[in-house]
Amino acid sequence: MDIDSEKQALKNRLALNKHCQTGLMAEHKVLFRNNGPQGSPELLALIYADDPFFGYWYGHIVRSKDGYASILSWMTIYVNAPFEQLLFRRYHYHAYIRQRYEPCYAQAPDDVFAHSTSFSEALAKLHGIIEQFDIEKRWPDTPASDDHIDYRITDVYTSDYTGNTGNDYPTLPMQPGLFLAKTSP
């Protein structure tokens, strides 16, 4: 048996069945749209995904009050969807509404968050955030004396739903024809 050709045959079989999907984030890792918040460009990149214990780390460029924010976002949720608009809606749901992110440690001013006046500048700063990314530095077991938690992410990811619990939140954005199944009592 040629295991490489069997693996390829299974990949081909998966590709032929529209019901078997891994979603855009798993396939592309970097997504961009021109019509983000306030009709401005927005970019989302998956930076780190291993075991759920370590969380999921995203690079996010989004319009903010003073231009654009380049953000390293550490979330407890793996955000994925089969369509671009749905993926961004789900990301906004988890980041802005449910606020499932955690501020992380930084060693320098632009390690995890940077303001920019243009999208191009924000993109360059996100390159720097990704270049400096090291999970051991962003959430160390023992922080160094000059480490600090950078809370500026909270200036961007704000919500009218803060403090709500349980069913007070709107439902997760879903693709047509799907619904959420109850998985616990």
N, C-alpha and C. Protein backbone atom coordinates (compact mmCIF):
# COMPACT_ATOMS: atom_id res chain seq x y z
N MET A 1 0.84 -1.18 0.00
CA MET A 1 0.00 0.00 0.00
C MET A 1 0.89 1.25 0.00
N ASP A 2 0.57 2.20 -0.86
CA ASP A 2 1.26 3.48 -0.94
C ASP A 2 0.47 4.50 -0.11
N ILE A 3 0.94 4.76 1.10
CA ILE A 3 0.19 5.61 2.03
C ILE A 3 0.06 7.04 1.51
N ASP A 4 1.05 7.56 0.79
CA ASP A 4 0.96 8.92 0.26
C ASP A 4 -0.17 9.04 -0.76
N SER A 5 -0.29 8.05 -1.63
CA SER A 5 -1.38 8.11 -2.62
C SER A 5 -2.74 7.87 -1.95
N GLU A 6 -2.79 7.08 -0.89
CA GLU A 6 -4.04 6.89 -0.15
C GLU A 6 -4.44 8.18 0.56
N LYS A 7 -3.47 8.88 1.13
CA LYS A 7 -3.76 10.16 1.77
C LYS A 7 -4.31 11.15 0.75
N GLN A 8 -3.69 11.18 -0.44
CA GLN A 8 -4.16 12.09 -1.48
C GLN A 8 -5.55 11.71 -1.95
N ALA A 9 -5.82 10.40 -2.05
CA ALA A 9 -7.15 9.94 -2.47
C ALA A 9 -8.21 10.37 -1.45
N LEU A 10 -7.87 10.29 -0.16
CA LEU A 10 -8.81 10.74 0.86
C LEU A 10 -9.03 12.25 0.81
N LYS A 11 -7.96 13.00 0.56
CA LYS A 11 -8.10 14.46 0.41
C LYS A 11 -9.01 14.79 -0.76
N ASN A 12 -8.84 14.06 -1.86
CA ASN A 12 -9.69 14.26 -3.04
C ASN A 12 -11.15 13.93 -2.72
N ARG A 13 -11.38 12.84 -1.99
CA ARG A 13 -12.74 12.43 -1.61
C ARG A 13 -13.37 13.50 -0.73
N LEU A 14 -12.61 14.01 0.22
CA LEU A 14 -13.12 15.08 1.08
C LEU A 14 -13.48 16.32 0.28
N ALA A 15 -12.66 16.66 -0.69
CA ALA A 15 -12.90 17.85 -1.52
C ALA A 15 -14.16 17.70 -2.36
N LEU A 16 -14.51 16.49 -2.73
CA LEU A 16 -15.69 16.25 -3.57
C LEU A 16 -17.00 16.30 -2.79
N ASN A 17 -16.95 16.15 -1.48
CA ASN A 17 -18.16 16.15 -0.68
C ASN A 17 -18.33 17.51 -0.02
N LYS A 18 -19.34 18.27 -0.45
CA LYS A 18 -19.55 19.62 0.07
C LYS A 18 -19.92 19.64 1.55
N HIS A 19 -20.32 18.49 2.09
CA HIS A 19 -20.66 18.41 3.50
C HIS A 19 -19.44 18.25 4.39
N CYS A 20 -18.29 17.92 3.81
CA CYS A 20 -17.04 17.80 4.56
C CYS A 20 -16.28 19.11 4.38
N GLN A 21 -16.15 19.87 5.44
CA GLN A 21 -15.47 21.16 5.31
C GLN A 21 -14.65 21.46 6.55
N THR A 22 -13.58 22.18 6.35
CA THR A 22 -12.75 22.60 7.47
C THR A 22 -12.87 24.09 7.70
N GLY A 23 -13.52 24.81 6.83
CA GLY A 23 -13.71 26.24 7.00
C GLY A 23 -12.54 27.04 6.45
N LEU A 24 -12.79 28.32 6.27
CA LEU A 24 -11.80 29.20 5.65
C LEU A 24 -10.56 29.43 6.49
N MET A 25 -10.71 29.58 7.80
CA MET A 25 -9.56 29.87 8.64
C MET A 25 -8.57 28.72 8.59
N ALA A 26 -9.07 27.51 8.65
CA ALA A 26 -8.20 26.33 8.60
C ALA A 26 -7.51 26.22 7.24
N GLU A 27 -8.19 26.62 6.19
CA GLU A 27 -7.63 26.50 4.84
C GLU A 27 -6.68 27.62 4.47
N HIS A 28 -7.01 28.86 4.86
CA HIS A 28 -6.26 30.02 4.35
C HIS A 28 -5.37 30.72 5.36
N LYS A 29 -5.74 30.71 6.62
CA LYS A 29 -5.01 31.33 7.73
C LYS A 29 -5.00 32.86 7.71
N VAL A 30 -5.17 33.49 6.54
CA VAL A 30 -5.23 34.95 6.46
C VAL A 30 -6.42 35.31 5.58
N LEU A 31 -7.30 36.17 6.11
CA LEU A 31 -8.48 36.60 5.37
C LEU A 31 -8.57 38.12 5.40
N PHE A 32 -9.08 38.69 4.33
CA PHE A 32 -9.19 40.14 4.18
C PHE A 32 -10.54 40.45 3.60
N ARG A 33 -11.11 41.57 4.04
CA ARG A 33 -12.33 42.08 3.41
C ARG A 33 -12.25 43.59 3.34
N ASN A 34 -12.85 44.15 2.30
CA ASN A 34 -12.87 45.60 2.12
C ASN A 34 -13.97 46.27 2.92
N ASN A 35 -14.97 45.51 3.31
CA ASN A 35 -16.16 46.10 3.95
C ASN A 35 -16.28 45.71 5.41
N GLY A 36 -15.24 45.98 6.18
CA GLY A 36 -15.29 45.72 7.62
C GLY A 36 -16.07 46.81 8.34
N PRO A 37 -15.86 46.97 9.64
CA PRO A 37 -16.56 48.01 10.39
C PRO A 37 -16.36 49.39 9.78
N GLN A 38 -17.41 50.15 9.70
CA GLN A 38 -17.41 51.49 9.11
C GLN A 38 -17.02 51.44 7.63
N GLY A 39 -17.24 50.30 6.96
CA GLY A 39 -16.96 50.17 5.54
C GLY A 39 -15.48 50.18 5.21
N SER A 40 -14.64 49.93 6.19
CA SER A 40 -13.19 50.00 5.99
C SER A 40 -12.58 48.60 5.86
N PRO A 41 -11.35 48.51 5.36
CA PRO A 41 -10.68 47.21 5.24
C PRO A 41 -10.46 46.56 6.61
N GLU A 42 -10.46 45.25 6.60
CA GLU A 42 -10.23 44.47 7.83
C GLU A 42 -9.47 43.21 7.44
N LEU A 43 -8.55 42.79 8.30
CA LEU A 43 -7.75 41.60 8.05
C LEU A 43 -7.72 40.75 9.32
N LEU A 44 -7.77 39.44 9.12
CA LEU A 44 -7.72 38.50 10.24
C LEU A 44 -6.75 37.39 9.86
N ALA A 45 -5.81 37.09 10.75
CA ALA A 45 -4.82 36.04 10.50
C ALA A 45 -4.75 35.11 11.71
N LEU A 46 -4.72 33.83 11.45
CA LEU A 46 -4.53 32.84 12.51
C LEU A 46 -3.02 32.73 12.73
N ILE A 47 -2.55 33.08 13.91
CA ILE A 47 -1.13 33.09 14.22
C ILE A 47 -0.69 31.80 14.91
N TYR A 48 -1.53 31.32 15.83
CA TYR A 48 -1.13 30.14 16.60
C TYR A 48 -2.37 29.34 16.97
N ALA A 49 -2.35 28.06 16.65
CA ALA A 49 -3.43 27.14 17.04
C ALA A 49 -2.80 25.79 17.28
N ASP A 50 -2.84 25.35 18.51
CA ASP A 50 -2.28 24.05 18.87
C ASP A 50 -3.37 23.33 19.65
N ASP A 51 -3.15 23.09 20.88
CA ASP A 51 -4.15 22.48 21.74
C ASP A 51 -5.04 23.59 22.31
N PRO A 52 -6.34 23.34 22.49
CA PRO A 52 -7.20 24.38 23.05
C PRO A 52 -6.72 24.93 24.40
N PHE A 53 -5.95 24.16 25.14
CA PHE A 53 -5.40 24.62 26.41
C PHE A 53 -4.60 25.92 26.25
N PHE A 54 -3.92 26.08 25.12
CA PHE A 54 -3.09 27.26 24.88
C PHE A 54 -3.87 28.41 24.25
N GLY A 55 -5.12 28.18 23.92
CA GLY A 55 -5.92 29.20 23.27
C GLY A 55 -5.57 29.34 21.81
N TYR A 56 -6.16 30.33 21.19
CA TYR A 56 -5.95 30.60 19.77
C TYR A 56 -5.53 32.05 19.64
N TRP A 57 -4.51 32.27 18.86
CA TRP A 57 -3.91 33.61 18.74
C TRP A 57 -4.13 34.11 17.32
N TYR A 58 -4.72 35.31 17.23
CA TYR A 58 -5.06 35.90 15.95
C TYR A 58 -4.38 37.25 15.80
N GLY A 59 -4.04 37.60 14.57
CA GLY A 59 -3.64 38.94 14.23
C GLY A 59 -4.86 39.61 13.61
N HIS A 60 -5.20 40.80 14.04
CA HIS A 60 -6.41 41.46 13.57
C HIS A 60 -6.11 42.91 13.28
N ILE A 61 -6.47 43.36 12.10
CA ILE A 61 -6.41 44.78 11.76
C ILE A 61 -7.84 45.24 11.55
N VAL A 62 -8.22 46.27 12.29
CA VAL A 62 -9.59 46.76 12.22
C VAL A 62 -9.58 48.28 12.42
N ARG A 63 -10.58 48.92 11.85
CA ARG A 63 -10.75 50.36 12.03
C ARG A 63 -10.99 50.66 13.50
N SER A 64 -10.31 51.67 14.01
CA SER A 64 -10.52 52.10 15.39
C SER A 64 -10.76 53.61 15.38
N LYS A 65 -10.98 54.17 16.53
CA LYS A 65 -11.35 55.58 16.58
C LYS A 65 -10.30 56.53 16.01
N ASP A 66 -9.03 56.15 16.08
CA ASP A 66 -7.97 57.03 15.60
C ASP A 66 -7.29 56.51 14.34
N GLY A 67 -7.92 55.68 13.58
CA GLY A 67 -7.32 55.10 12.38
C GLY A 67 -7.53 53.61 12.35
N TYR A 68 -6.43 52.86 12.52
CA TYR A 68 -6.48 51.40 12.51
C TYR A 68 -5.74 50.85 13.71
N ALA A 69 -6.18 49.71 14.18
CA ALA A 69 -5.50 49.00 15.25
C ALA A 69 -4.98 47.68 14.71
N SER A 70 -3.73 47.39 15.00
CA SER A 70 -3.13 46.08 14.74
C SER A 70 -3.09 45.37 16.09
N ILE A 71 -3.75 44.22 16.17
CA ILE A 71 -3.98 43.59 17.47
C ILE A 71 -3.50 42.14 17.45
N LEU A 72 -2.82 41.74 18.51
CA LEU A 72 -2.60 40.33 18.78
C LEU A 72 -3.71 39.93 19.74
N SER A 73 -4.60 39.06 19.29
CA SER A 73 -5.76 38.69 20.07
C SER A 73 -5.64 37.23 20.51
N TRP A 74 -5.63 37.02 21.81
CA TRP A 74 -5.58 35.69 22.39
C TRP A 74 -7.00 35.34 22.80
N MET A 75 -7.57 34.35 22.14
CA MET A 75 -8.96 34.00 22.39
C MET A 75 -9.09 32.56 22.87
N THR A 76 -10.17 32.31 23.56
CA THR A 76 -10.45 30.96 24.03
C THR A 76 -11.24 30.16 23.00
N ILE A 77 -11.54 30.77 21.87
CA ILE A 77 -12.39 30.17 20.84
C ILE A 77 -11.63 30.10 19.52
N TYR A 78 -11.77 28.96 18.87
CA TYR A 78 -11.26 28.84 17.49
C TYR A 78 -12.37 29.31 16.57
N VAL A 79 -12.14 30.40 15.86
CA VAL A 79 -13.15 31.00 14.99
C VAL A 79 -12.95 30.47 13.58
N ASN A 80 -14.02 29.95 13.02
CA ASN A 80 -13.95 29.38 11.68
C ASN A 80 -15.34 29.45 11.06
N ALA A 81 -15.41 29.40 9.76
CA ALA A 81 -16.68 29.40 9.04
C ALA A 81 -16.41 29.05 7.58
N PRO A 82 -17.43 28.59 6.87
CA PRO A 82 -17.24 28.23 5.46
C PRO A 82 -17.26 29.44 4.52
N PHE A 83 -17.72 30.61 4.99
CA PHE A 83 -17.82 31.80 4.14
C PHE A 83 -17.13 32.97 4.84
N GLU A 84 -16.52 33.83 4.04
CA GLU A 84 -15.73 34.95 4.58
C GLU A 84 -16.56 35.87 5.48
N GLN A 85 -17.71 36.33 5.00
CA GLN A 85 -18.53 37.25 5.80
C GLN A 85 -18.95 36.61 7.12
N LEU A 86 -19.31 35.33 7.07
CA LEU A 86 -19.71 34.63 8.28
C LEU A 86 -18.54 34.49 9.25
N LEU A 87 -17.35 34.23 8.74
CA LEU A 87 -16.17 34.11 9.59
C LEU A 87 -15.91 35.43 10.33
N PHE A 88 -15.97 36.55 9.61
CA PHE A 88 -15.76 37.84 10.26
C PHE A 88 -16.88 38.15 11.26
N ARG A 89 -18.12 37.81 10.92
CA ARG A 89 -19.23 38.02 11.85
C ARG A 89 -19.02 37.21 13.13
N ARG A 90 -18.55 35.97 12.98
CA ARG A 90 -18.29 35.13 14.15
C ARG A 90 -17.13 35.69 14.98
N TYR A 91 -16.10 36.17 14.30
CA TYR A 91 -14.98 36.75 15.04
C TYR A 91 -15.46 37.94 15.85
N HIS A 92 -16.23 38.81 15.23
CA HIS A 92 -16.76 39.98 15.94
C HIS A 92 -17.68 39.55 17.08
N TYR A 93 -18.45 38.52 16.87
CA TYR A 93 -19.33 38.02 17.92
C TYR A 93 -18.51 37.61 19.15
N HIS A 94 -17.46 36.82 18.92
CA HIS A 94 -16.65 36.33 20.04
C HIS A 94 -15.76 37.42 20.65
N ALA A 95 -15.23 38.32 19.83
CA ALA A 95 -14.33 39.36 20.34
C ALA A 95 -15.10 40.53 20.97
N TYR A 96 -16.08 41.05 20.25
CA TYR A 96 -16.77 42.25 20.70
C TYR A 96 -17.94 41.96 21.64
N ILE A 97 -18.78 41.01 21.26
CA ILE A 97 -19.99 40.76 22.04
C ILE A 97 -19.72 39.86 23.25
N ARG A 98 -19.15 38.68 23.01
CA ARG A 98 -18.89 37.74 24.10
C ARG A 98 -17.58 38.03 24.82
N GLN A 99 -16.72 38.82 24.22
CA GLN A 99 -15.43 39.23 24.77
C GLN A 99 -14.62 38.03 25.26
N ARG A 100 -14.43 37.10 24.37
CA ARG A 100 -13.68 35.87 24.68
C ARG A 100 -12.21 36.03 24.31
N TYR A 101 -11.62 37.08 24.77
CA TYR A 101 -10.20 37.33 24.55
C TYR A 101 -9.56 37.63 25.89
N GLU A 102 -8.24 37.55 25.89
CA GLU A 102 -7.48 37.89 27.09
C GLU A 102 -6.36 38.84 26.68
N PRO A 103 -6.16 39.92 27.40
CA PRO A 103 -4.96 40.75 27.17
C PRO A 103 -3.72 39.90 27.46
N CYS A 104 -2.63 40.21 26.79
CA CYS A 104 -1.43 39.40 26.99
C CYS A 104 -0.23 40.29 27.32
N TYR A 105 0.85 39.63 27.67
CA TYR A 105 2.07 40.33 28.05
C TYR A 105 2.78 40.92 26.85
N ALA A 106 3.43 42.05 27.09
CA ALA A 106 4.24 42.71 26.07
C ALA A 106 5.57 43.10 26.71
N GLN A 107 6.59 43.20 25.85
CA GLN A 107 7.89 43.66 26.31
C GLN A 107 8.23 45.03 25.72
N ALA A 108 7.58 45.38 24.62
CA ALA A 108 7.83 46.66 23.94
C ALA A 108 6.48 47.25 23.51
N PRO A 109 6.44 48.55 23.18
CA PRO A 109 5.17 49.22 22.89
C PRO A 109 4.31 48.59 21.79
N ASP A 110 4.89 48.06 20.72
CA ASP A 110 4.09 47.53 19.62
C ASP A 110 4.12 46.01 19.52
N ASP A 111 4.44 45.33 20.62
CA ASP A 111 4.51 43.86 20.61
C ASP A 111 3.15 43.20 20.35
N VAL A 112 2.09 43.76 20.94
CA VAL A 112 0.79 43.10 20.89
C VAL A 112 -0.33 44.03 20.42
N PHE A 113 -0.05 45.32 20.30
CA PHE A 113 -1.07 46.28 19.90
C PHE A 113 -0.38 47.51 19.34
N ALA A 114 -0.88 48.01 18.21
CA ALA A 114 -0.30 49.22 17.62
C ALA A 114 -1.38 50.03 16.91
N HIS A 115 -1.35 51.34 17.11
CA HIS A 115 -2.24 52.25 16.38
C HIS A 115 -1.54 52.70 15.11
N SER A 116 -2.32 52.92 14.06
CA SER A 116 -1.80 53.42 12.78
C SER A 116 -2.81 54.37 12.16
N THR A 117 -2.32 55.23 11.29
CA THR A 117 -3.22 56.16 10.61
C THR A 117 -3.75 55.57 9.30
N SER A 118 -3.08 54.55 8.76
CA SER A 118 -3.53 53.95 7.50
C SER A 118 -3.51 52.43 7.60
N PHE A 119 -4.24 51.79 6.71
CA PHE A 119 -4.27 50.33 6.70
C PHE A 119 -2.89 49.78 6.34
N SER A 120 -2.19 50.44 5.42
CA SER A 120 -0.84 49.99 5.03
C SER A 120 0.11 50.01 6.22
N GLU A 121 0.05 51.07 7.00
CA GLU A 121 0.89 51.16 8.19
C GLU A 121 0.50 50.08 9.20
N ALA A 122 -0.80 49.84 9.35
CA ALA A 122 -1.28 48.81 10.27
C ALA A 122 -0.79 47.43 9.83
N LEU A 123 -0.77 47.20 8.54
CA LEU A 123 -0.29 45.93 8.02
C LEU A 123 1.19 45.74 8.34
N ALA A 124 1.99 46.79 8.18
CA ALA A 124 3.41 46.71 8.51
C ALA A 124 3.59 46.42 10.01
N LYS A 125 2.76 47.03 10.84
CA LYS A 125 2.86 46.79 12.28
C LYS A 125 2.41 45.38 12.64
N LEU A 126 1.43 44.83 11.92
CA LEU A 126 1.03 43.45 12.17
C LEU A 126 2.16 42.49 11.79
N HIS A 127 2.89 42.81 10.72
CA HIS A 127 4.07 42.01 10.38
C HIS A 127 5.03 41.97 11.58
N GLY A 128 5.24 43.10 12.21
CA GLY A 128 6.13 43.17 13.38
C GLY A 128 5.59 42.37 14.56
N ILE A 129 4.28 42.44 14.79
CA ILE A 129 3.66 41.67 15.87
C ILE A 129 3.87 40.18 15.63
N ILE A 130 3.67 39.75 14.39
CA ILE A 130 3.85 38.34 14.07
C ILE A 130 5.32 37.94 14.19
N GLU A 131 6.21 38.81 13.72
CA GLU A 131 7.64 38.52 13.81
C GLU A 131 8.09 38.35 15.27
N GLN A 132 7.51 39.14 16.18
CA GLN A 132 7.88 39.09 17.59
C GLN A 132 7.11 38.03 18.38
N PHE A 133 6.13 37.37 17.75
CA PHE A 133 5.28 36.45 18.50
C PHE A 133 6.07 35.27 19.03
N ASP A 134 5.89 35.03 20.31
CA ASP A 134 6.43 33.86 21.00
C ASP A 134 5.48 33.61 22.16
N ILE A 135 4.78 32.48 22.12
CA ILE A 135 3.76 32.21 23.14
C ILE A 135 4.35 32.26 24.54
N GLU A 136 5.61 31.90 24.69
CA GLU A 136 6.25 31.93 26.00
C GLU A 136 6.42 33.36 26.52
N LYS A 137 6.54 34.33 25.61
CA LYS A 137 6.66 35.73 26.03
C LYS A 137 5.29 36.38 26.22
N ARG A 138 4.31 35.95 25.45
CA ARG A 138 2.99 36.57 25.51
C ARG A 138 2.20 36.15 26.74
N TRP A 139 2.45 34.95 27.25
CA TRP A 139 1.84 34.53 28.51
C TRP A 139 2.82 33.64 29.24
N PRO A 140 3.87 34.24 29.82
CA PRO A 140 4.93 33.46 30.46
C PRO A 140 4.51 32.88 31.80
N ASP A 141 5.11 31.76 32.17
CA ASP A 141 4.87 31.20 33.50
C ASP A 141 5.38 32.15 34.58
N THR A 142 6.54 32.75 34.32
CA THR A 142 7.13 33.70 35.25
C THR A 142 7.52 34.96 34.46
N PRO A 143 6.69 35.99 34.51
CA PRO A 143 7.01 37.21 33.75
C PRO A 143 8.31 37.86 34.21
N ALA A 144 9.03 38.42 33.25
CA ALA A 144 10.25 39.18 33.57
C ALA A 144 9.84 40.51 34.22
N SER A 145 10.78 41.16 34.86
CA SER A 145 10.47 42.39 35.59
C SER A 145 9.96 43.51 34.67
N ASP A 146 10.39 43.52 33.40
CA ASP A 146 9.94 44.58 32.48
C ASP A 146 8.73 44.17 31.65
N ASP A 147 8.20 42.97 31.86
CA ASP A 147 6.97 42.54 31.17
C ASP A 147 5.78 43.28 31.77
N HIS A 148 4.78 43.53 30.93
CA HIS A 148 3.54 44.13 31.42
C HIS A 148 2.39 43.62 30.56
N ILE A 149 1.23 43.54 31.17
CA ILE A 149 0.03 43.16 30.41
C ILE A 149 -0.45 44.40 29.67
N ASP A 150 -0.65 44.26 28.38
CA ASP A 150 -1.10 45.38 27.55
C ASP A 150 -2.62 45.29 27.42
N TYR A 151 -3.32 46.23 28.01
CA TYR A 151 -4.78 46.21 28.04
C TYR A 151 -5.42 47.03 26.92
N ARG A 152 -4.64 47.56 25.99
CA ARG A 152 -5.22 48.42 24.95
C ARG A 152 -6.23 47.70 24.06
N ILE A 153 -6.18 46.37 24.02
CA ILE A 153 -7.15 45.62 23.24
C ILE A 153 -8.58 45.94 23.70
N THR A 154 -8.74 46.24 24.99
CA THR A 154 -10.06 46.53 25.52
C THR A 154 -10.61 47.86 25.01
N ASP A 155 -9.75 48.73 24.49
CA ASP A 155 -10.21 49.99 23.90
C ASP A 155 -10.92 49.74 22.57
N VAL A 156 -10.59 48.64 21.91
CA VAL A 156 -11.18 48.33 20.60
C VAL A 156 -12.32 47.32 20.73
N TYR A 157 -12.09 46.25 21.46
CA TYR A 157 -13.10 45.21 21.61
C TYR A 157 -14.05 45.57 22.74
N THR A 158 -14.95 46.49 22.47
CA THR A 158 -15.93 46.92 23.46
C THR A 158 -17.29 46.32 23.10
N SER A 159 -18.17 46.25 24.09
CA SER A 159 -19.45 45.61 23.87
C SER A 159 -20.55 46.24 24.69
N ASP A 160 -21.73 46.29 24.11
CA ASP A 160 -22.92 46.71 24.85
C ASP A 160 -23.45 45.58 25.73
N TYR A 161 -22.91 44.37 25.52
CA TYR A 161 -23.41 43.20 26.22
C TYR A 161 -22.57 42.84 27.44
N THR A 162 -21.57 43.65 27.78
CA THR A 162 -20.69 43.35 28.91
C THR A 162 -21.51 43.15 30.18
N GLY A 163 -21.21 42.08 30.87
CA GLY A 163 -21.91 41.79 32.11
C GLY A 163 -23.08 40.86 31.95
N ASN A 164 -23.51 40.64 30.72
CA ASN A 164 -24.62 39.71 30.49
C ASN A 164 -24.13 38.28 30.61
N THR A 165 -25.02 37.40 30.90
CA THR A 165 -24.67 35.99 31.01
C THR A 165 -25.71 35.15 30.31
N GLY A 166 -25.33 33.92 30.03
CA GLY A 166 -26.27 32.93 29.49
C GLY A 166 -26.99 33.37 28.25
N ASN A 167 -28.31 33.35 28.30
CA ASN A 167 -29.14 33.61 27.12
C ASN A 167 -29.32 35.08 26.81
N ASP A 168 -28.69 35.97 27.57
CA ASP A 168 -28.82 37.40 27.29
C ASP A 168 -28.09 37.81 26.02
N TYR A 169 -27.16 36.99 25.57
CA TYR A 169 -26.39 37.29 24.36
C TYR A 169 -27.18 36.90 23.13
N PRO A 170 -26.95 37.59 22.02
CA PRO A 170 -27.54 37.11 20.77
C PRO A 170 -26.93 35.77 20.39
N THR A 171 -27.59 35.04 19.53
CA THR A 171 -27.08 33.73 19.13
C THR A 171 -25.88 33.88 18.19
N LEU A 172 -25.07 32.85 18.16
CA LEU A 172 -23.91 32.79 17.28
C LEU A 172 -24.35 32.93 15.83
N PRO A 173 -23.69 33.76 15.03
CA PRO A 173 -24.04 33.83 13.61
C PRO A 173 -23.86 32.47 12.94
N MET A 174 -24.87 32.05 12.24
CA MET A 174 -24.87 30.72 11.62
C MET A 174 -25.08 30.84 10.11
N GLN A 175 -24.65 29.82 9.39
CA GLN A 175 -24.94 29.77 7.97
C GLN A 175 -26.37 29.28 7.79
N PRO A 176 -27.03 29.67 6.71
CA PRO A 176 -28.43 29.25 6.50
C PRO A 176 -28.56 27.73 6.55
N GLY A 177 -29.61 27.27 7.23
CA GLY A 177 -29.89 25.85 7.28
C GLY A 177 -29.28 25.12 8.46
N LEU A 178 -28.40 25.78 9.21
CA LEU A 178 -27.81 25.16 10.39
C LEU A 178 -28.40 25.77 11.64
N PHE A 179 -28.36 25.03 12.73
CA PHE A 179 -28.81 25.53 14.01
C PHE A 179 -27.91 24.98 15.09
N LEU A 180 -27.94 25.62 16.24
CA LEU A 180 -27.12 25.18 17.37
C LEU A 180 -27.84 24.04 18.08
N ALA A 181 -27.10 22.97 18.33
CA ALA A 181 -27.63 21.86 19.11
C ALA A 181 -27.26 22.06 20.56
N LYS A 182 -28.16 21.72 21.45
CA LYS A 182 -27.87 21.83 22.87
C LYS A 182 -27.00 20.65 23.25
N THR A 183 -25.83 20.93 23.85
CA THR A 183 -24.88 19.87 24.16
C THR A 183 -24.78 19.57 25.64
N SER A 184 -25.45 20.36 26.48
CA SER A 184 -25.40 20.09 27.91
C SER A 184 -26.73 20.51 28.52
N PRO A 185 -27.05 19.98 29.70
CA PRO A 185 -28.34 20.32 30.33
C PRO A 185 -28.45 21.78 30.71
